[in-house]
């Protein structure tokens, strides 16, 4: 089953469900966040809950997409309580582009390659806890962009490049237990030119918006996922390549990545939302592509419903330093 959300003209969030080609409104006034929190509290699965609620009339998801009304599949009423995070070097083949960014002397293995090898050797333990992956922070819900809406690269950025991947969507239950709602397509938008300058700039390069959706898969994640990542310029594809995900194509299990995120108590605060991106091995940056304002990123995989599309926008570079005012000097 695939779930999505859109905003009605009166501002209310409406959940939509589909098991095939047709989508229907779920008979509820609750958002997916509220519904999921109720499920966590009562021990009910999302699928069971939706079956109990029932469905209303059919909706045209493509029309809603075109009108800009689709929302990310999961939001928090207070964006400060939605956390955007991710892991890198988790996919077979993901180390080559990263290692090239941070190449050292030929006889010296890069830290990226070391991290990748650690994952290959210990990211899928037969039992117990595996090696921890690279981890990064992207921001709060204020950085989450709805499908179809622009991913904006700030004026100080040196690049705005796509990263096609899968994300896990979670709520934290009343007792601090993380609950996974399901999986969705994600564009983990980053600044690869900034990162290439120095590996320690990775944290800066990740502080960019991202987009997730439009639909949420609440079934079991396929062992192997094959999708397509495209960049359209004036309607013509300037980049078009497959990307692979799912545990068959990863150096870590999903459970291991989840453990090393939620082992931190600060990420288990009741009521919070987490969108955690699992990494990729396919980047247009590796092919020398430099996206421009107006280009459209499109990430698609059949199991996840509608493609995730976002145009690229840029802001003007700041000409003055950010001014921080001191309360000690207030008059």
Protein backbone atom coordinates (compact mmCIF):
# COMPACT_ATOMS: atom_id res chain seq x y z
CA UNK A 1 0.00 0.00 0.00
CA UNK A 2 1.11 3.55 -0.82
CA UNK A 3 0.11 6.54 1.29
CA UNK A 4 0.36 10.22 0.43
CA UNK A 5 -0.98 13.54 1.70
CA UNK A 6 -2.32 16.69 0.13
CA UNK A 7 -3.56 19.99 1.46
CA UNK A 8 -7.18 20.88 0.82
CA UNK A 9 -8.28 24.43 -0.03
CA UNK A 10 -9.32 24.95 3.61
CA UNK A 11 -5.80 24.05 4.76
CA UNK A 12 -6.69 20.61 6.12
CA UNK A 13 -4.30 17.73 5.42
CA UNK A 14 -5.93 14.75 3.69
CA UNK A 15 -4.42 11.23 3.64
CA UNK A 16 -4.66 9.29 0.38
CA UNK A 17 -4.19 5.52 0.00
CA UNK A 18 -3.78 3.25 -3.00
CA UNK A 19 -3.08 -0.43 -3.54
CA UNK A 20 -3.14 -0.28 -7.34
CA UNK A 21 -3.55 2.38 -9.96
CA UNK A 22 -6.41 4.26 -8.29
CA UNK A 23 -6.01 6.45 -5.20
CA UNK A 24 -8.71 7.18 -2.63
CA UNK A 25 -9.09 9.55 0.29
CA UNK A 26 -8.88 7.85 3.67
CA UNK A 27 -12.04 8.54 5.67
CA UNK A 28 -10.40 10.63 8.40
CA UNK A 29 -9.67 14.24 9.31
CA UNK A 30 -6.34 13.23 10.84
CA UNK A 31 -2.97 13.80 9.22
CA UNK A 32 -0.69 10.80 8.76
CA UNK A 33 1.34 12.02 11.74
CA UNK A 34 -1.71 11.98 14.04
CA UNK A 35 -2.89 8.66 12.67
CA UNK A 36 0.55 7.09 13.17
CA UNK A 37 0.79 8.38 16.74
CA UNK A 38 -2.61 6.82 17.47
CA UNK A 39 -1.42 3.53 15.95
CA UNK A 40 1.73 3.59 18.09
CA UNK A 41 -0.31 4.20 21.24
CA UNK A 42 -2.90 1.50 20.52
CA UNK A 43 -0.68 -1.18 18.96
CA UNK A 44 -2.45 -1.03 15.60
CA UNK A 45 -0.75 -1.24 12.20
CA UNK A 46 -1.28 1.50 9.65
CA UNK A 47 -2.82 -0.94 7.20
CA UNK A 48 -5.29 -2.23 9.81
CA UNK A 49 -6.17 1.29 10.86
CA UNK A 50 -6.86 2.43 7.28
CA UNK A 51 -8.96 -0.67 6.61
CA UNK A 52 -11.06 0.15 9.69
CA UNK A 53 -11.47 3.80 8.72
CA UNK A 54 -12.40 3.01 5.13
CA UNK A 55 -12.02 5.05 1.97
CA UNK A 56 -13.92 7.92 0.36
CA UNK A 57 -13.93 9.00 -3.30
CA UNK A 58 -11.10 8.63 -5.79
CA UNK A 59 -8.57 11.43 -6.21
CA UNK A 60 -6.32 12.38 -9.13
CA UNK A 61 -2.83 12.40 -7.64
CA UNK A 62 -1.22 13.65 -10.86
CA UNK A 63 -3.59 16.64 -10.92
CA UNK A 64 -2.82 17.42 -7.28
CA UNK A 65 0.90 17.10 -8.06
CA UNK A 66 0.60 19.52 -10.97
CA UNK A 67 -1.30 22.01 -8.83
CA UNK A 68 1.43 21.93 -6.16
CA UNK A 69 -0.92 20.53 -3.50
CA UNK A 70 0.92 17.29 -2.65
CA UNK A 71 2.80 17.32 0.65
CA UNK A 72 5.63 15.18 1.99
CA UNK A 73 4.02 11.95 3.17
CA UNK A 74 4.88 12.70 6.80
CA UNK A 75 5.05 16.06 8.58
CA UNK A 76 5.12 17.26 12.18
CA UNK A 77 2.80 20.06 13.32
CA UNK A 78 5.93 21.83 14.63
CA UNK A 79 8.71 21.58 12.01
CA UNK A 80 11.35 21.95 14.74
CA UNK A 81 10.37 18.45 15.90
CA UNK A 82 11.07 16.84 12.52
CA UNK A 83 14.69 15.72 12.05
CA UNK A 84 16.34 15.21 8.66
CA UNK A 85 19.38 12.94 8.82
CA UNK A 86 21.19 10.38 6.72
CA UNK A 87 24.01 7.91 6.24
CA UNK A 88 26.64 7.78 3.53
CA UNK A 89 28.94 5.16 2.02
CA UNK A 90 26.25 2.55 2.61
CA UNK A 91 25.79 1.25 -0.95
CA UNK A 92 28.00 -1.08 -2.96
CA UNK A 93 29.83 1.18 -5.39
CA UNK A 94 29.25 4.35 -3.37
CA UNK A 95 32.87 4.77 -2.35
CA UNK A 96 34.39 5.41 -5.77
CA UNK A 97 33.00 8.90 -6.39
CA UNK A 98 33.58 9.93 -2.79
CA UNK A 99 37.14 8.62 -2.78
CA UNK A 100 37.88 10.53 -5.97
CA UNK A 101 36.71 13.72 -4.26
CA UNK A 102 39.20 13.27 -1.45
CA UNK A 103 42.07 11.45 -3.17
CA UNK A 104 45.35 11.24 -1.32
CA UNK A 105 48.70 9.80 -2.39
CA UNK A 106 48.28 6.58 -4.39
CA UNK A 107 49.63 4.43 -1.59
CA UNK A 108 47.29 5.99 0.98
CA UNK A 109 43.67 4.81 1.26
CA UNK A 110 41.14 7.61 1.75
CA UNK A 111 39.05 7.82 4.90
CA UNK A 112 35.99 7.38 2.67
CA UNK A 113 37.30 4.07 1.33
CA UNK A 114 38.19 2.93 4.85
CA UNK A 115 34.66 3.71 6.01
CA UNK A 116 33.19 1.87 3.03
CA UNK A 117 35.34 -1.21 3.67
CA UNK A 118 34.29 -1.20 7.33
CA UNK A 119 30.67 -1.35 6.17
CA UNK A 120 31.33 -4.17 3.70
CA UNK A 121 33.08 -6.16 6.43
CA UNK A 122 30.79 -5.39 9.36
CA UNK A 123 27.60 -3.65 8.23
CA UNK A 124 25.52 -6.83 7.90
CA UNK A 125 26.15 -8.80 11.09
CA UNK A 126 24.63 -12.27 11.35
CA UNK A 127 23.49 -11.23 14.81
CA UNK A 128 24.02 -8.36 17.19
CA UNK A 129 25.17 -4.85 16.32
CA UNK A 130 27.24 -4.08 13.21
CA UNK A 131 29.79 -1.37 12.54
CA UNK A 132 28.44 2.18 12.62
CA UNK A 133 28.11 4.05 9.31
CA UNK A 134 28.96 7.59 8.37
CA UNK A 135 26.14 9.81 9.69
CA UNK A 136 25.11 13.38 8.89
CA UNK A 137 22.51 15.98 9.83
CA UNK A 138 20.52 17.99 7.29
CA UNK A 139 18.23 20.08 9.42
CA UNK A 140 14.71 20.27 10.79
CA UNK A 141 11.36 20.13 9.05
CA UNK A 142 11.95 23.70 7.90
CA UNK A 143 14.34 22.21 5.30
CA UNK A 144 11.83 19.63 4.01
CA UNK A 145 10.47 20.56 0.58
CA UNK A 146 7.21 19.19 -0.83
CA UNK A 147 7.26 17.16 -4.06
CA UNK A 148 7.09 19.47 -7.07
CA UNK A 149 8.39 22.48 -5.16
CA UNK A 150 11.87 23.99 -5.68
CA UNK A 151 15.02 22.84 -3.96
CA UNK A 152 16.76 26.14 -3.30
CA UNK A 153 20.54 26.38 -3.29
CA UNK A 154 21.80 29.28 -1.14
CA UNK A 155 23.87 32.05 -2.64
CA UNK A 156 27.04 30.91 -0.87
CA UNK A 157 26.73 27.37 -2.29
CA UNK A 158 29.19 26.12 -4.88
CA UNK A 159 26.96 23.36 -6.22
CA UNK A 160 23.42 22.06 -5.88
CA UNK A 161 23.35 18.40 -6.82
CA UNK A 162 20.83 15.59 -6.44
CA UNK A 163 21.29 12.39 -4.45
CA UNK A 164 18.64 9.78 -5.33
CA UNK A 165 17.96 7.48 -2.43
CA UNK A 166 15.45 5.82 -0.16
CA UNK A 167 14.42 7.23 3.19
CA UNK A 168 12.84 5.65 6.24
CA UNK A 169 10.04 7.67 7.85
CA UNK A 170 9.57 7.34 11.62
CA UNK A 171 7.61 8.64 14.56
CA UNK A 172 8.68 8.27 18.18
CA UNK A 173 5.95 6.69 20.28
CA UNK A 174 4.74 7.88 23.67
CA UNK A 175 7.26 5.68 25.52
CA UNK A 176 10.24 6.71 23.33
CA UNK A 177 10.06 3.72 20.97
CA UNK A 178 10.87 4.49 17.30
CA UNK A 179 8.19 3.30 14.86
CA UNK A 180 8.87 3.03 11.13
CA UNK A 181 5.89 3.97 8.98
CA UNK A 182 7.58 2.90 5.75
CA UNK A 183 9.92 3.98 2.98
CA UNK A 184 9.85 6.74 0.37
CA UNK A 185 11.95 8.17 -2.43
CA UNK A 186 14.21 11.03 -1.38
CA UNK A 187 16.40 13.65 -3.00
CA UNK A 188 19.17 14.26 -0.47
CA UNK A 189 20.25 17.50 -2.14
CA UNK A 190 23.90 18.42 -1.35
CA UNK A 191 26.83 20.67 -2.30
CA UNK A 192 29.43 18.29 -3.73
CA UNK A 193 31.88 20.99 -4.85
CA UNK A 194 32.08 22.32 -1.30
CA UNK A 195 32.58 18.82 0.05
CA UNK A 196 35.35 18.11 -2.45
CA UNK A 197 37.47 20.97 -1.10
CA UNK A 198 37.93 19.24 2.24
CA UNK A 199 36.28 16.22 3.79
CA UNK A 200 35.63 18.25 6.93
CA UNK A 201 33.27 20.41 4.86
CA UNK A 202 30.92 17.44 4.50
CA UNK A 203 28.81 18.75 7.41
CA UNK A 204 28.45 22.14 5.69
CA UNK A 205 27.63 20.52 2.34
CA UNK A 206 24.69 18.59 3.82
CA UNK A 207 22.95 21.63 5.35
CA UNK A 208 20.66 22.02 2.37
CA UNK A 209 16.96 21.37 1.74
CA UNK A 210 15.75 17.95 0.66
CA UNK A 211 12.53 16.42 -0.64
CA UNK A 212 10.75 13.16 0.14
CA UNK A 213 7.79 11.36 -1.45
CA UNK A 214 5.34 11.84 -3.01
CA UNK A 215 4.17 8.40 -1.79
CA UNK A 216 5.08 6.25 1.18
CA UNK A 217 5.46 2.49 0.81
CA UNK A 218 4.11 0.87 4.00
CA UNK A 219 4.87 -2.68 2.86
CA UNK A 220 8.16 -4.56 3.25
CA UNK A 221 11.07 -2.92 1.46
CA UNK A 222 12.07 -5.00 -1.59
CA UNK A 223 15.50 -6.61 -1.22
CA UNK A 224 16.58 -4.93 -4.45
CA UNK A 225 15.23 -1.62 -5.74
CA UNK A 226 16.05 -0.32 -9.21
CA UNK A 227 15.17 3.28 -9.95
CA UNK A 228 16.08 6.06 -12.34
CA UNK A 229 17.66 9.43 -11.63
CA UNK A 230 17.20 12.13 -14.28
CA UNK A 231 17.94 15.82 -14.69
CA UNK A 232 15.75 17.63 -17.20
CA UNK A 233 16.85 20.91 -18.76
CA UNK A 234 14.22 22.62 -20.91
CA UNK A 235 12.42 19.28 -21.09
CA UNK A 236 15.48 17.32 -22.30
CA UNK A 237 17.36 14.84 -20.11
CA UNK A 238 20.97 15.91 -19.56
CA UNK A 239 21.47 13.07 -17.08
CA UNK A 240 19.64 9.74 -17.03
CA UNK A 241 21.01 6.80 -15.06
CA UNK A 242 19.70 3.91 -12.99
CA UNK A 243 20.29 3.78 -9.27
CA UNK A 244 20.18 0.72 -7.05
CA UNK A 245 19.08 0.42 -3.44
CA UNK A 246 17.64 -2.15 -1.07
CA UNK A 247 19.75 -4.37 1.15
CA UNK A 248 20.96 -6.54 -1.76
CA UNK A 249 22.80 -3.45 -3.04
CA UNK A 250 23.93 -2.12 0.32
CA UNK A 251 26.88 -2.70 2.63
CA UNK A 252 24.66 -2.29 5.73
CA UNK A 253 21.30 -3.67 6.75
CA UNK A 254 18.48 -1.21 7.31
CA UNK A 255 18.27 -2.49 10.90
CA UNK A 256 21.94 -1.64 11.48
CA UNK A 257 21.51 1.88 10.09
CA UNK A 258 18.41 2.36 12.25
CA UNK A 259 20.19 1.13 15.37
CA UNK A 260 23.07 3.56 14.96
CA UNK A 261 20.65 6.47 14.57
CA UNK A 262 18.18 5.67 17.31
CA UNK A 263 20.81 4.50 19.83
CA UNK A 264 21.07 8.18 20.75
CA UNK A 265 18.50 9.11 23.35
CA UNK A 266 18.15 12.62 21.92
CA UNK A 267 16.56 10.99 18.84
CA UNK A 268 13.97 9.09 20.88
CA UNK A 269 11.91 11.99 22.21
CA UNK A 270 8.18 11.10 22.26
CA UNK A 271 6.21 12.69 19.45
CA UNK A 272 9.17 13.59 17.24
CA UNK A 273 9.40 12.70 13.53
CA UNK A 274 12.55 11.41 11.82
CA UNK A 275 13.24 11.15 8.11
CA UNK A 276 16.47 9.20 7.69
CA UNK A 277 18.08 8.81 4.26
CA UNK A 278 19.99 5.62 3.54
CA UNK A 279 22.53 6.75 0.93
CA UNK A 280 23.20 6.30 -2.78
CA UNK A 281 25.82 5.22 -5.29
CA UNK A 282 24.62 7.36 -8.21
CA UNK A 283 25.43 11.07 -8.57
CA UNK A 284 25.34 13.30 -11.65
CA UNK A 285 28.30 15.11 -10.06
CA UNK A 286 30.41 12.03 -10.81
CA UNK A 287 29.64 12.56 -14.52
CA UNK A 288 30.69 16.20 -14.41
CA UNK A 289 27.12 17.56 -14.51
CA UNK A 290 26.61 21.04 -13.03
CA UNK A 291 22.86 21.59 -12.45
CA UNK A 292 21.48 25.04 -13.23
CA UNK A 293 18.52 27.00 -11.93
CA UNK A 294 15.41 25.75 -13.70
CA UNK A 295 16.66 22.17 -14.12
CA UNK A 296 14.25 19.53 -12.81
CA UNK A 297 15.44 16.58 -10.75
CA UNK A 298 13.33 13.45 -11.23
CA UNK A 299 13.79 10.32 -9.11
CA UNK A 300 11.60 7.31 -9.87
CA UNK A 301 11.24 3.67 -8.83
CA UNK A 302 8.16 1.56 -9.68
CA UNK A 303 7.58 0.27 -6.15
CA UNK A 304 7.25 3.80 -4.79
CA UNK A 305 4.49 5.24 -6.94
CA UNK A 306 4.79 8.66 -8.50
CA UNK A 307 8.28 10.02 -9.28
CA UNK A 308 9.79 12.64 -6.99
CA UNK A 309 10.26 15.83 -9.02
CA UNK A 310 11.78 19.11 -7.86
CA UNK A 311 13.09 22.05 -9.87
CA UNK A 312 16.35 23.69 -8.82
CA UNK A 313 16.28 27.30 -7.67
CA UNK A 314 19.10 29.53 -6.46
CA UNK A 315 19.31 32.61 -4.27
CA UNK A 316 21.58 35.62 -4.75
CA UNK A 317 24.92 35.55 -2.97
CA UNK A 318 25.07 37.61 0.22
CA UNK A 319 27.19 40.74 -0.09
CA UNK A 320 27.47 41.43 3.65
CA UNK A 321 28.27 39.21 6.63
CA UNK A 322 25.35 38.05 8.76
CA UNK A 323 24.87 40.62 11.51
CA UNK A 324 24.37 39.15 14.98
CA UNK A 325 22.89 41.60 17.46
CA UNK A 326 23.89 41.56 21.10
CA UNK A 327 21.17 41.81 23.75
CA UNK A 328 23.79 43.48 25.93
CA UNK A 329 23.71 46.42 23.51
CA UNK A 330 19.93 46.76 23.22
CA UNK A 331 18.58 50.22 23.98
